[in-house]
Amino acid sequence: MIMFKSQPVFRILLIGLAILCAAALRADASPQFSRIIEDLPLPEAFQESGSPAVFDSSEGRLITTSGLCLCPLMAIAEFYALTLPALGWHAMPDGGSYTRAGERLTIEFVPAPTGKRGETDQQRVLFRLIAPRASTRLEE
C-alpha cells in the first residue's frame, strides 16, 4: 500500500479529482420520474414500490403511489423543497403539501422497518395527488 502522508499536494489533487469525477457522473445522470405521477421527480436512490392506485370520478382524480429511499429523511424533504417549485408547485404551510393549478400533492414520510442494529436504513415515502376535473392536467 502506498502512503502519501509526506505529499499533501498530491493528496489534495487526488481528492479534487475524485470530487470532479463524482460531479461529472451526477451531471450526466438523467432525472428519474414517477411512473404513475408523470411529472413527479424522484431522488436518485428512490425505488417506486407497492401497488399504485388511481381513482377517477366525474369530479377529479386521486392518485397514490409510494416507494423506498435509501436517503435520510431531511435529504428527501430538501430534494422536494428544491425541485417542486421549479415545476410550478407551491409549498403549503403544513410542510408536507404542495399546490399547483388546483392540484394538491401530499408527501408523507414513514420510517421503513429497522435494520439489524435497530437503525432505520430507508424511508418509505407516500405520495397522494388530488387533481380536480377542472385541472389542466386532466384534460383529454
Protein backbone atom coordinates (compact mmCIF):
# COMPACT_ATOMS: atom_id res chain seq x y z
CA MET A 1 0.00 0.00 0.00
CA ILE A 2 1.37 3.41 -0.95
CA MET A 3 1.22 6.13 1.69
CA PHE A 4 1.13 9.81 0.69
CA LYS A 5 1.47 11.41 4.11
CA SER A 6 4.60 13.25 3.03
CA GLN A 7 2.98 14.57 -0.13
CA PRO A 8 -0.04 16.72 0.88
CA VAL A 9 -0.25 18.41 -2.52
CA PHE A 10 -0.65 15.06 -4.24
CA ARG A 11 -3.39 14.04 -1.77
CA ILE A 12 -5.25 17.28 -2.39
CA LEU A 13 -5.07 16.71 -6.16
CA LEU A 14 -6.41 13.18 -5.76
CA ILE A 15 -9.30 14.39 -3.62
CA GLY A 16 -10.07 17.15 -6.12
CA LEU A 17 -10.06 14.67 -8.99
CA ALA A 18 -12.43 12.36 -7.11
CA ILE A 19 -14.84 15.25 -6.46
CA LEU A 20 -14.76 16.30 -10.13
CA CYS A 21 -15.46 12.74 -11.28
CA ALA A 22 -18.39 12.39 -8.89
CA ALA A 23 -19.83 15.73 -10.04
CA ALA A 24 -19.49 14.73 -13.70
CA LEU A 25 -21.28 11.43 -13.12
CA ARG A 26 -24.09 13.21 -11.28
CA ALA A 27 -24.47 15.84 -14.00
CA ASP A 28 -24.79 13.16 -16.69
CA ALA A 29 -27.45 11.21 -14.81
CA SER A 30 -30.87 11.83 -16.27
CA PRO A 31 -33.56 12.73 -13.74
CA GLN A 32 -35.84 9.95 -12.59
CA PHE A 33 -39.62 10.49 -12.54
CA SER A 34 -42.54 8.54 -11.13
CA ARG A 35 -44.19 6.03 -13.45
CA ILE A 36 -47.60 6.96 -12.02
CA ILE A 37 -47.48 10.73 -11.42
CA GLU A 38 -45.94 11.88 -14.70
CA ASP A 39 -44.01 14.96 -13.59
CA LEU A 40 -43.09 13.94 -10.05
CA PRO A 41 -39.28 13.85 -9.75
CA LEU A 42 -37.74 11.12 -7.62
CA PRO A 43 -34.47 11.26 -5.65
CA GLU A 44 -31.58 9.27 -7.08
CA ALA A 45 -31.78 6.42 -4.53
CA PHE A 46 -35.59 6.12 -4.75
CA GLN A 47 -37.40 2.96 -5.88
CA GLU A 48 -41.14 3.07 -6.51
CA SER A 49 -42.76 0.03 -4.97
CA GLY A 50 -46.08 -1.33 -3.89
CA SER A 51 -49.30 -1.05 -5.82
CA PRO A 52 -50.18 2.43 -7.01
CA ALA A 53 -53.83 3.39 -7.09
CA VAL A 54 -55.71 5.67 -9.46
CA PHE A 55 -59.29 6.66 -8.71
CA ASP A 56 -61.17 8.57 -11.41
CA SER A 57 -64.54 10.21 -10.97
CA SER A 58 -66.53 12.95 -12.65
CA GLU A 59 -65.13 15.37 -10.07
CA GLY A 60 -61.45 14.53 -10.50
CA ARG A 61 -58.67 12.07 -9.93
CA LEU A 62 -56.87 10.71 -6.86
CA ILE A 63 -53.51 9.05 -7.46
CA THR A 64 -51.43 7.37 -4.77
CA THR A 65 -48.02 5.77 -5.08
CA SER A 66 -45.13 5.02 -2.75
CA GLY A 67 -41.57 3.85 -2.64
CA LEU A 68 -38.42 3.41 -0.60
CA CYS A 69 -35.42 5.71 -0.47
CA LEU A 70 -32.00 4.97 0.98
CA CYS A 71 -31.64 8.63 1.94
CA PRO A 72 -32.04 10.43 5.25
CA LEU A 73 -35.47 11.97 5.72
CA MET A 74 -34.07 15.52 5.68
CA ALA A 75 -32.34 14.89 2.33
CA ILE A 76 -35.63 13.74 0.78
CA ALA A 77 -37.54 16.72 2.18
CA GLU A 78 -34.84 19.09 0.90
CA PHE A 79 -34.92 17.43 -2.54
CA TYR A 80 -38.64 18.17 -2.88
CA ALA A 81 -38.34 21.67 -1.40
CA LEU A 82 -35.81 22.46 -4.16
CA THR A 83 -37.27 20.61 -7.15
CA LEU A 84 -41.04 21.00 -6.89
CA PRO A 85 -41.13 24.84 -7.05
CA ALA A 86 -39.24 24.63 -10.36
CA LEU A 87 -42.17 22.55 -11.68
CA GLY A 88 -44.75 25.12 -10.59
CA TRP A 89 -45.64 23.66 -7.18
CA HIS A 90 -46.13 25.97 -4.18
CA ALA A 91 -45.34 24.72 -0.66
CA MET A 92 -48.21 24.79 1.82
CA PRO A 93 -47.69 25.89 5.45
CA ASP A 94 -48.25 22.33 6.75
CA GLY A 95 -44.81 21.38 5.39
CA GLY A 96 -45.93 18.23 3.60
CA SER A 97 -48.19 19.50 0.83
CA TYR A 98 -47.80 21.42 -2.42
CA THR A 99 -50.41 23.00 -4.69
CA ARG A 100 -50.40 23.80 -8.40
CA ALA A 101 -53.27 24.90 -10.64
CA GLY A 102 -55.93 23.37 -8.39
CA GLU A 103 -53.96 20.17 -7.77
CA ARG A 104 -52.72 19.14 -4.34
CA LEU A 105 -49.69 16.89 -3.84
CA THR A 106 -49.13 15.45 -0.36
CA ILE A 107 -45.83 13.82 0.58
CA GLU A 108 -45.73 11.69 3.73
CA PHE A 109 -42.61 10.13 5.23
CA VAL A 110 -42.90 6.84 7.09
CA PRO A 111 -39.83 5.11 8.59
CA ALA A 112 -39.28 1.74 6.94
CA PRO A 113 -38.58 -1.39 9.01
CA THR A 114 -35.41 -1.16 11.06
CA GLY A 115 -32.09 -2.76 10.15
CA LYS A 116 -30.02 -5.26 12.12
CA ARG A 117 -28.71 -2.66 14.57
CA GLY A 118 -32.14 -1.16 15.18
CA GLU A 119 -31.48 1.79 12.87
CA THR A 120 -33.81 2.78 10.07
CA ASP A 121 -31.98 2.08 6.83
CA GLN A 122 -34.53 3.58 4.49
CA GLN A 123 -37.54 5.85 4.34
CA ARG A 124 -40.92 4.97 2.87
CA VAL A 125 -42.39 7.92 1.02
CA LEU A 126 -46.10 8.11 0.22
CA PHE A 127 -47.41 10.44 -2.49
CA ARG A 128 -51.03 11.49 -2.87
CA LEU A 129 -52.10 13.66 -5.81
CA ILE A 130 -55.63 15.10 -5.89
CA ALA A 131 -56.50 16.71 -9.21
CA PRO A 132 -59.96 18.19 -9.77
CA ARG A 133 -61.52 17.56 -13.18
CA ALA A 134 -61.11 21.27 -13.99
CA SER A 135 -57.34 20.88 -13.71
CA THR A 136 -55.39 21.31 -16.95
CA ARG A 137 -53.51 18.10 -16.08
CA LEU A 138 -56.63 16.00 -16.64
CA GLU A 139 -57.78 17.40 -19.97
CA GLU A 140 -58.12 14.73 -22.64
